[in-house]
Amino acid sequence: MKKQSIYILFSLLIVGMLSGCQSNKEEAYTLDSKQEQYEIEQEHHDGVVELTLWGAQEDAELLEHLIDDFKEEYSSQAQFEITVDYHSESKCKEDLFKDTENQVDVFTFADDQLRPIVAAGLLAPVSNPEEVRKSNIEAACEAASINETLYAYPMTADNGYFLYYNKNYFTDQDVESLDTILQIASQNNKKVSMDWTSGWYLYAFFGQTGLELGLNKDGISNYCNWNATDTAIKGIDVANSMLAIAKDNSFLNCTEGDFIKGIQEGSIIAGVSGIWNTTVVEEAWGSNYGATKLPTYSCANKQMQMASFAGYKMVGVSDYSSQKEWAQKLAQWITNEANQIQRFKMRGQGPSNINAAATPEIAKSPAIDALLEQSGFASLQQVGGAFWEPTQIFGEAMAAGNPEGKDLQVLLDVMTEGITESYSNGGVGNA
């Protein structure tokens, strides 16, 4: 009897222990989770998060402001030491390639460098792609993506060009045609400017003609038929049009520095440039400051709409970053809606964020409006490195009026051969 009672008591104890064990397991799991979270938070709080950001020198004041706000926003989670090194956004790729395992965590760059940077394994994909896609215009997200993977956070959608004009000389209707613009400038002994030393601007004459240019599947070499002789608009038609413009006494081929100088001195009353010169133009022309899409030009007895490259700037996170989670947070912070609005206020740069672009202050900007007008005739800049030198040589020859009297078809053939040549071979021929 005693043995039976002991057995029953023992059984009841076992059941009680098992029940208590289950309860203890749940409590332990909860405590362990809380302890783990606490340790993570303590690690973030007690440790110092070190990040290096590469940005443009002209953004120095803005970046300092954004970083101070970022530190304040996350002050309860970590202490930060954020170093800013200034690099050209147009040459970010070259600087990254000098040391692929360098200490940079976050960097700003232009969209045409995305493919080679990704190919080198230097970019970590965006951590919240769906949220970013919903917040930014489709074209900007496309520019930041490869094979549907979003590799960078869109920052601006204004890296394009359009026409500035002085309303004291031109009506809105006058600036629809380059022929009319040149005529009015000539009558007033003034100049109309454009930079023909860069293939970026030279694309304006070819982009809407039906002639083709693009990047091959290898992501490095180009295809191009700007020398075509069997198309509706032939390459030589475009070349002849450019020569006719160059010979007009009111046309001025000039780079950015001379464009700004001409605007300030009053010799230039219309010119092709980008949003980065808005402040200079507005200060010089005041209430007469106007901006619109590029005009049409005469080509093969037709009025041909001038094209443009559409460019975007973005923020990337290094795949070698030792603080990748915080680097992603910083990249998101720099490019969020509020800070894209702040970028417009401090730098005049157009946002890629949909809500930011819709704010009244930005929507009423003549330059932003001009970019939107031009967007229907703009193409994403996707060309290999071999594109630039041949187009520069050709553009300079056209701007000078073909001083050596070379056969235009030969010049076009040489340019096209250079554009399509393997970049490793230099990408340029000799006429």
Protein backbone atom coordinates (compact mmCIF):
# COMPACT_ATOMS: atom_id res chain seq x y z
CA MET A 1 0.00 0.00 0.00
CA LYS A 2 2.82 2.34 0.93
CA LYS A 3 4.60 1.52 -2.31
CA GLN A 4 1.46 2.27 -4.29
CA SER A 5 1.00 5.64 -2.54
CA ILE A 6 4.61 6.55 -3.21
CA TYR A 7 4.19 5.60 -6.88
CA ILE A 8 1.06 7.77 -7.18
CA LEU A 9 2.79 10.69 -5.47
CA PHE A 10 5.82 10.33 -7.72
CA SER A 11 3.61 10.32 -10.83
CA LEU A 12 1.86 13.49 -9.72
CA LEU A 13 5.22 15.16 -9.17
CA ILE A 14 6.39 14.19 -12.65
CA VAL A 15 3.24 15.64 -14.23
CA GLY A 16 3.68 18.82 -12.23
CA MET A 17 7.32 19.10 -13.23
CA LEU A 18 6.50 18.61 -16.90
CA SER A 19 3.84 21.30 -16.75
CA GLY A 20 6.19 23.61 -14.96
CA CYS A 21 8.97 22.76 -17.39
CA GLN A 22 6.82 23.78 -20.35
CA SER A 23 5.96 27.03 -18.60
CA ASN A 24 9.62 27.62 -17.74
CA LYS A 25 10.61 26.97 -21.35
CA GLU A 26 8.19 29.61 -22.58
CA GLU A 27 9.40 32.05 -19.94
CA ALA A 28 13.02 31.26 -20.73
CA TYR A 29 12.42 31.73 -24.45
CA THR A 30 10.82 35.11 -23.78
CA LEU A 31 13.61 36.14 -21.44
CA ASP A 32 16.28 34.91 -23.84
CA SER A 33 14.69 36.87 -26.71
CA LYS A 34 14.47 39.99 -24.58
CA GLN A 35 18.04 39.52 -23.40
CA GLU A 36 19.25 39.05 -26.99
CA GLN A 37 17.39 42.17 -28.10
CA TYR A 38 18.77 44.06 -25.10
CA GLU A 39 22.32 42.94 -25.93
CA ILE A 40 21.87 44.03 -29.54
CA GLU A 41 20.53 47.39 -28.42
CA GLN A 42 23.34 47.76 -25.88
CA GLU A 43 25.89 46.85 -28.52
CA HIS A 44 24.48 49.52 -30.82
CA HIS A 45 24.16 51.99 -27.98
CA ASP A 46 27.53 51.40 -26.35
CA GLY A 47 29.50 50.89 -29.55
CA VAL A 48 30.36 53.52 -32.15
CA VAL A 49 29.09 53.00 -35.70
CA GLU A 50 31.72 54.22 -38.14
CA LEU A 51 30.62 55.03 -41.68
CA THR A 52 32.33 56.67 -44.63
CA LEU A 53 30.24 58.54 -47.18
CA TRP A 54 31.44 59.66 -50.61
CA GLY A 55 29.59 62.66 -51.98
CA ALA A 56 29.98 65.62 -54.31
CA GLN A 57 31.97 68.60 -53.07
CA GLU A 58 29.19 70.98 -54.10
CA ASP A 59 26.84 69.07 -51.77
CA ALA A 60 29.06 69.64 -48.71
CA GLU A 61 26.67 71.93 -46.81
CA LEU A 62 23.66 69.76 -47.63
CA LEU A 63 25.37 66.50 -46.62
CA GLU A 64 26.52 68.00 -43.33
CA HIS A 65 22.92 68.98 -42.62
CA LEU A 66 21.54 65.53 -43.55
CA ILE A 67 24.15 63.69 -41.47
CA ASP A 68 23.44 65.81 -38.37
CA ASP A 69 19.74 65.01 -38.72
CA PHE A 70 20.50 61.31 -39.23
CA LYS A 71 22.57 61.17 -36.05
CA GLU A 72 19.79 62.85 -34.11
CA GLU A 73 17.12 60.54 -35.54
CA TYR A 74 19.00 57.39 -34.46
CA SER A 75 20.72 58.78 -31.35
CA SER A 76 18.89 56.31 -29.08
CA GLN A 77 20.22 53.36 -31.05
CA ALA A 78 23.85 54.19 -31.69
CA GLN A 79 26.66 56.69 -31.58
CA PHE A 80 28.02 57.61 -35.00
CA GLU A 81 31.26 58.70 -36.53
CA ILE A 82 30.42 59.54 -40.15
CA THR A 83 33.27 60.69 -42.36
CA VAL A 84 32.51 62.45 -45.64
CA ASP A 85 35.06 62.21 -48.46
CA TYR A 86 34.36 64.29 -51.53
CA HIS A 87 34.47 62.55 -54.89
CA SER A 88 33.13 63.46 -58.32
CA GLU A 89 29.83 61.63 -58.90
CA SER A 90 30.74 61.28 -62.56
CA LYS A 91 34.03 59.53 -61.65
CA CYS A 92 32.89 57.49 -58.65
CA LYS A 93 33.42 54.25 -60.59
CA GLU A 94 37.08 55.01 -61.25
CA ASP A 95 37.71 55.83 -57.60
CA LEU A 96 35.98 52.64 -56.47
CA PHE A 97 37.97 50.53 -58.91
CA LYS A 98 41.28 51.83 -57.56
CA ASP A 99 40.66 49.77 -54.43
CA THR A 100 37.63 47.48 -54.61
CA GLU A 101 37.82 46.73 -50.87
CA ASN A 102 38.19 50.35 -49.80
CA GLN A 103 36.58 51.65 -46.65
CA VAL A 104 33.67 53.51 -48.26
CA ASP A 105 30.24 52.43 -47.02
CA VAL A 106 27.85 54.72 -48.90
CA PHE A 107 28.45 56.66 -52.13
CA THR A 108 26.60 58.88 -54.58
CA PHE A 109 27.04 58.34 -58.32
CA ALA A 110 25.52 58.90 -61.76
CA ASP A 111 23.34 56.22 -63.34
CA ASP A 112 25.67 55.44 -66.26
CA GLN A 113 28.13 53.84 -63.80
CA LEU A 114 25.69 51.35 -62.29
CA ARG A 115 26.41 48.38 -64.56
CA PRO A 116 30.21 48.30 -64.21
CA ILE A 117 29.99 48.85 -60.44
CA VAL A 118 27.51 45.96 -60.10
CA ALA A 119 29.60 43.79 -62.42
CA ALA A 120 32.58 44.34 -60.12
CA GLY A 121 30.52 43.12 -57.15
CA LEU A 122 30.76 46.43 -55.32
CA LEU A 123 27.05 47.19 -54.79
CA ALA A 124 24.76 45.61 -52.23
CA PRO A 125 21.12 45.42 -53.43
CA VAL A 126 18.64 47.81 -51.83
CA SER A 127 17.24 46.38 -48.60
CA ASN A 128 13.64 47.61 -49.12
CA PRO A 129 13.12 47.55 -52.92
CA GLU A 130 9.31 47.55 -52.97
CA GLU A 131 9.08 50.60 -50.75
CA VAL A 132 11.65 52.43 -52.86
CA ARG A 133 9.87 51.55 -56.11
CA LYS A 134 6.56 52.85 -54.77
CA SER A 135 8.12 56.11 -53.64
CA ASN A 136 10.11 57.02 -56.77
CA ILE A 137 9.31 57.54 -60.43
CA GLU A 138 9.53 54.42 -62.56
CA ALA A 139 12.30 55.72 -64.84
CA ALA A 140 14.58 56.49 -61.87
CA CYS A 141 14.05 52.99 -60.46
CA GLU A 142 14.71 51.48 -63.87
CA ALA A 143 17.97 53.41 -64.04
CA ALA A 144 18.95 51.98 -60.63
CA SER A 145 18.10 48.38 -61.55
CA ILE A 146 19.64 45.48 -63.44
CA ASN A 147 17.56 42.40 -64.28
CA GLU A 148 14.79 43.66 -61.99
CA THR A 149 17.11 43.90 -58.98
CA LEU A 150 17.24 47.37 -57.44
CA TYR A 151 20.87 48.15 -56.61
CA ALA A 152 20.72 51.81 -55.56
CA TYR A 153 18.43 54.40 -54.01
CA PRO A 154 17.26 57.04 -56.53
CA MET A 155 18.27 60.52 -55.38
CA THR A 156 17.57 62.93 -58.26
CA ALA A 157 15.79 62.87 -61.62
CA ASP A 158 17.25 66.03 -63.06
CA ASN A 159 20.48 65.03 -64.76
CA GLY A 160 19.28 66.09 -68.19
CA TYR A 161 19.24 69.24 -70.30
CA PHE A 162 16.77 71.68 -71.81
CA LEU A 163 16.62 75.22 -73.21
CA TYR A 164 17.11 78.35 -71.12
CA TYR A 165 15.86 81.52 -72.78
CA ASN A 166 15.51 85.22 -72.00
CA LYS A 167 11.87 86.27 -72.21
CA ASN A 168 12.94 89.81 -73.02
CA TYR A 169 13.80 88.53 -76.51
CA PHE A 170 11.62 85.47 -77.08
CA THR A 171 7.97 84.53 -76.78
CA ASP A 172 6.93 81.02 -75.78
CA GLN A 173 6.17 80.32 -79.45
CA ASP A 174 9.56 81.60 -80.65
CA VAL A 175 11.47 79.01 -78.65
CA GLU A 176 9.72 76.06 -80.28
CA SER A 177 12.07 76.27 -83.30
CA LEU A 178 15.86 76.58 -83.31
CA ASP A 179 15.64 78.37 -86.67
CA THR A 180 13.55 81.12 -85.09
CA ILE A 181 15.76 81.31 -82.00
CA LEU A 182 18.89 81.78 -84.12
CA GLN A 183 17.17 84.38 -86.30
CA ILE A 184 16.07 86.51 -83.33
CA ALA A 185 19.51 86.23 -81.70
CA SER A 186 21.17 87.35 -84.94
CA GLN A 187 18.84 90.35 -85.21
CA ASN A 188 19.86 91.42 -81.71
CA ASN A 189 23.58 90.66 -82.16
CA LYS A 190 23.38 88.00 -79.42
CA LYS A 191 24.34 84.35 -79.10
CA VAL A 192 22.62 80.96 -78.71
CA SER A 193 24.88 78.41 -77.06
CA MET A 194 25.33 74.65 -76.86
CA ASP A 195 28.28 72.39 -76.06
CA TRP A 196 29.21 70.22 -79.05
CA THR A 197 32.42 68.93 -77.44
CA SER A 198 30.46 66.30 -75.51
CA GLY A 199 28.56 63.32 -76.87
CA TRP A 200 26.10 63.88 -74.04
CA TYR A 201 24.77 66.98 -75.82
CA LEU A 202 25.54 65.75 -79.34
CA TYR A 203 22.92 63.04 -78.83
CA ALA A 204 20.31 65.82 -79.17
CA PHE A 205 20.66 65.78 -82.96
CA PHE A 206 20.52 62.00 -83.45
CA GLY A 207 18.20 60.73 -80.74
CA GLN A 208 14.81 61.42 -82.40
CA THR A 209 15.80 60.69 -86.00
CA GLY A 210 15.27 56.93 -85.97
CA LEU A 211 19.04 56.32 -86.00
CA GLU A 212 20.07 53.92 -83.25
CA LEU A 213 22.52 53.91 -80.35
CA GLY A 214 22.68 51.67 -77.31
CA LEU A 215 24.54 49.25 -75.11
CA ASN A 216 25.12 45.65 -76.19
CA LYS A 217 24.22 42.72 -73.94
CA ASP A 218 27.80 42.53 -72.70
CA GLY A 219 27.14 45.81 -70.88
CA ILE A 220 30.38 47.31 -72.23
CA SER A 221 30.31 47.76 -76.00
CA ASN A 222 27.89 49.85 -78.08
CA TYR A 223 25.78 49.40 -81.18
CA CYS A 224 25.29 52.48 -83.36
CA ASN A 225 24.21 53.30 -86.94
CA TRP A 226 24.63 57.07 -86.93
CA ASN A 227 26.40 56.72 -90.28
CA ALA A 228 23.42 54.94 -91.94
CA THR A 229 22.72 55.67 -95.60
CA ASP A 230 19.55 53.60 -96.04
CA THR A 231 17.32 55.09 -93.32
CA ALA A 232 14.57 57.71 -93.57
CA ILE A 233 16.89 60.24 -91.91
CA LYS A 234 20.48 59.51 -92.91
CA GLY A 235 23.54 60.26 -90.86
CA ILE A 236 24.70 62.76 -93.46
CA ASP A 237 21.38 64.63 -93.12
CA VAL A 238 22.14 65.23 -89.45
CA ALA A 239 25.73 66.26 -90.22
CA ASN A 240 24.59 68.79 -92.82
CA SER A 241 22.08 70.24 -90.36
CA MET A 242 24.78 70.66 -87.75
CA LEU A 243 27.06 72.41 -90.22
CA ALA A 244 24.26 74.83 -91.15
CA ILE A 245 23.74 75.68 -87.48
CA ALA A 246 27.47 76.06 -86.86
CA LYS A 247 27.79 78.55 -89.74
CA ASP A 248 25.08 80.80 -88.31
CA ASN A 249 26.77 83.85 -86.78
CA SER A 250 24.48 83.70 -83.74
CA PHE A 251 25.47 80.17 -82.75
CA LEU A 252 28.16 79.66 -80.10
CA ASN A 253 29.73 76.31 -79.28
CA CYS A 254 30.90 76.61 -75.68
CA THR A 255 31.38 74.68 -72.46
CA GLU A 256 29.76 75.38 -69.08
CA GLY A 257 32.16 78.10 -67.99
CA ASP A 258 31.65 80.21 -71.11
CA PHE A 259 27.89 79.60 -70.99
CA ILE A 260 27.73 81.06 -67.47
CA LYS A 261 29.99 83.97 -68.43
CA GLY A 262 27.84 84.73 -71.50
CA ILE A 263 24.65 84.66 -69.43
CA GLN A 264 26.11 87.02 -66.83
CA GLU A 265 27.56 89.41 -69.41
CA GLY A 266 24.36 89.40 -71.48
CA SER A 267 25.86 88.07 -74.71
CA ILE A 268 23.98 84.75 -74.54
CA ILE A 269 20.17 85.00 -74.59
CA ALA A 270 19.37 81.31 -75.07
CA GLY A 271 21.31 78.12 -74.42
CA VAL A 272 21.19 74.41 -73.76
CA SER A 273 22.19 73.39 -70.25
CA GLY A 274 20.90 71.71 -67.10
CA ILE A 275 19.25 72.47 -63.79
CA TRP A 276 22.58 73.02 -62.03
CA ASN A 277 22.78 76.47 -63.68
CA THR A 278 19.29 77.61 -62.65
CA THR A 279 20.51 79.94 -59.91
CA VAL A 280 23.00 81.68 -62.23
CA VAL A 281 20.42 82.15 -64.99
CA GLU A 282 17.72 83.38 -62.63
CA GLU A 283 20.07 85.87 -61.00
CA ALA A 284 21.12 87.22 -64.40
CA TRP A 285 17.69 87.41 -66.06
CA GLY A 286 15.37 87.87 -63.11
CA SER A 287 11.72 87.91 -64.17
CA ASN A 288 12.80 87.28 -67.78
CA TYR A 289 14.16 83.84 -66.89
CA GLY A 290 12.48 81.15 -69.01
CA ALA A 291 13.02 77.43 -69.51
CA THR A 292 11.40 74.90 -71.82
CA LYS A 293 12.02 71.66 -73.69
CA LEU A 294 14.60 71.61 -76.47
CA PRO A 295 13.40 73.09 -79.79
CA THR A 296 13.03 71.46 -83.18
CA TYR A 297 15.75 71.88 -85.82
CA SER A 298 15.75 71.66 -89.63
CA CYS A 299 16.85 68.26 -90.92
CA ALA A 300 16.18 66.80 -94.39
CA ASN A 301 13.50 69.44 -95.02
CA LYS A 302 11.69 68.49 -91.82
CA GLN A 303 11.42 69.95 -88.34
CA MET A 304 13.08 67.35 -86.11
CA GLN A 305 12.57 67.43 -82.34
CA MET A 306 15.87 67.58 -80.47
CA ALA A 307 16.44 64.66 -78.11
CA SER A 308 18.30 64.40 -74.82
CA PHE A 309 19.81 61.93 -72.44
CA ALA A 310 17.88 61.52 -69.20
CA GLY A 311 20.18 61.13 -66.26
CA TYR A 312 19.66 60.15 -62.64
CA LYS A 313 21.82 60.30 -59.58
CA MET A 314 21.60 57.67 -56.89
CA VAL A 315 23.07 56.42 -53.63
CA GLY A 316 24.70 53.01 -53.32
CA VAL A 317 25.83 50.84 -50.42
CA SER A 318 29.15 49.00 -50.67
CA ASP A 319 28.89 45.23 -50.53
CA TYR A 320 32.16 45.36 -48.56
CA SER A 321 30.73 47.58 -45.83
CA SER A 322 31.25 46.21 -42.31
CA GLN A 323 28.19 48.21 -41.19
CA LYS A 324 25.88 47.26 -44.03
CA GLU A 325 22.64 47.60 -42.04
CA TRP A 326 23.48 51.14 -40.94
CA ALA A 327 24.85 51.97 -44.38
CA GLN A 328 21.48 51.01 -45.86
CA LYS A 329 19.73 53.22 -43.30
CA LEU A 330 21.97 56.17 -44.18
CA ALA A 331 21.37 55.69 -47.93
CA GLN A 332 17.61 55.57 -47.30
CA TRP A 333 17.84 58.69 -45.16
CA ILE A 334 19.72 60.73 -47.77
CA THR A 335 17.14 59.85 -50.43
CA ASN A 336 13.84 59.94 -48.50
CA GLU A 337 10.98 62.28 -49.42
CA ALA A 338 11.79 65.00 -46.87
CA ASN A 339 15.48 65.09 -47.75
CA GLN A 340 14.87 65.18 -51.50
CA ILE A 341 12.75 68.27 -50.83
CA GLN A 342 15.61 69.64 -48.72
CA ARG A 343 18.03 68.90 -51.58
CA PHE A 344 15.86 70.98 -53.92
CA LYS A 345 15.76 73.87 -51.44
CA MET A 346 19.50 73.90 -50.84
CA ARG A 347 20.84 72.72 -54.21
CA GLY A 348 17.96 73.24 -56.66
CA GLN A 349 18.12 69.58 -57.71
CA GLY A 350 14.99 67.85 -58.99
CA PRO A 351 13.65 64.93 -56.96
CA SER A 352 12.96 61.38 -58.08
CA ASN A 353 10.55 60.93 -55.18
CA ILE A 354 6.97 61.20 -56.44
CA ASN A 355 5.55 63.07 -53.46
CA ALA A 356 8.51 65.43 -53.28
CA ALA A 357 8.15 66.35 -56.96
CA ALA A 358 4.47 67.18 -56.41
CA THR A 359 5.09 69.80 -53.72
CA PRO A 360 4.04 73.29 -54.93
CA GLU A 361 7.49 74.85 -54.57
CA ILE A 362 9.10 72.22 -56.79
CA ALA A 363 6.22 71.79 -59.24
CA LYS A 364 6.24 75.50 -60.15
CA SER A 365 9.99 75.58 -60.94
CA PRO A 366 10.52 76.49 -64.65
CA ALA A 367 13.57 74.24 -64.86
CA ILE A 368 11.79 71.23 -63.36
CA ASP A 369 8.85 71.87 -65.68
CA ALA A 370 11.23 72.04 -68.66
CA LEU A 371 12.77 68.69 -67.71
CA LEU A 372 9.32 67.14 -67.50
CA GLU A 373 8.47 68.54 -70.96
CA GLN A 374 11.72 67.17 -72.37
CA SER A 375 11.27 63.77 -70.71
CA GLY A 376 9.04 62.64 -73.58
CA PHE A 377 12.01 63.03 -75.93
CA ALA A 378 14.68 61.75 -73.56
CA SER A 379 16.44 58.39 -73.36
CA LEU A 380 18.21 56.73 -70.47
CA GLN A 381 21.94 57.14 -70.93
CA GLN A 382 23.13 53.58 -71.45
CA VAL A 383 26.34 53.69 -73.46
CA GLY A 384 29.76 52.16 -73.07
CA GLY A 385 32.92 54.16 -72.54
CA ALA A 386 33.87 54.03 -76.22
CA PHE A 387 31.06 56.48 -77.01
CA TRP A 388 32.65 59.64 -75.65
CA GLU A 389 35.89 60.33 -77.54
CA PRO A 390 34.60 59.70 -81.10
CA THR A 391 31.55 61.92 -80.51
CA GLN A 392 33.75 64.66 -79.08
CA ILE A 393 36.00 64.61 -82.15
CA PHE A 394 33.01 64.65 -84.50
CA GLY A 395 31.22 67.40 -82.56
CA GLU A 396 34.29 69.64 -82.54
CA ALA A 397 34.72 69.19 -86.28
CA MET A 398 31.08 70.12 -86.92
CA ALA A 399 31.22 73.13 -84.57
CA ALA A 400 34.30 74.40 -86.40
CA GLY A 401 32.49 74.04 -89.74
CA ASN A 402 34.53 71.04 -90.93
CA PRO A 403 37.61 73.22 -91.50
CA GLU A 404 39.57 70.47 -93.25
CA GLY A 405 36.75 69.90 -95.72
CA LYS A 406 36.61 66.15 -95.06
CA ASP A 407 33.89 64.04 -96.62
CA LEU A 408 30.99 64.01 -94.15
CA GLN A 409 30.23 60.35 -94.72
CA VAL A 410 33.82 59.50 -93.90
CA LEU A 411 33.60 61.51 -90.67
CA LEU A 412 30.37 59.71 -89.77
CA ASP A 413 31.88 56.31 -90.57
CA VAL A 414 34.92 57.01 -88.40
CA MET A 415 32.78 58.23 -85.51
CA THR A 416 30.48 55.21 -85.68
CA GLU A 417 33.40 52.80 -85.94
CA GLY A 418 34.91 54.37 -82.84
CA ILE A 419 31.64 54.23 -80.89
CA THR A 420 31.15 50.52 -81.65
CA GLU A 421 34.77 49.50 -81.21
CA SER A 422 35.73 47.55 -78.12
CA TYR A 423 36.51 50.00 -75.33
CA SER A 424 39.67 48.08 -74.53
CA ASN A 425 40.94 49.03 -77.97
CA GLY A 426 40.48 52.72 -77.36
CA GLY A 427 37.16 53.15 -79.14
CA VAL A 428 38.22 55.75 -81.67
CA GLY A 429 39.53 55.78 -85.19
CA ASN A 430 41.33 58.37 -87.26
CA ALA A 431 39.80 60.17 -90.22
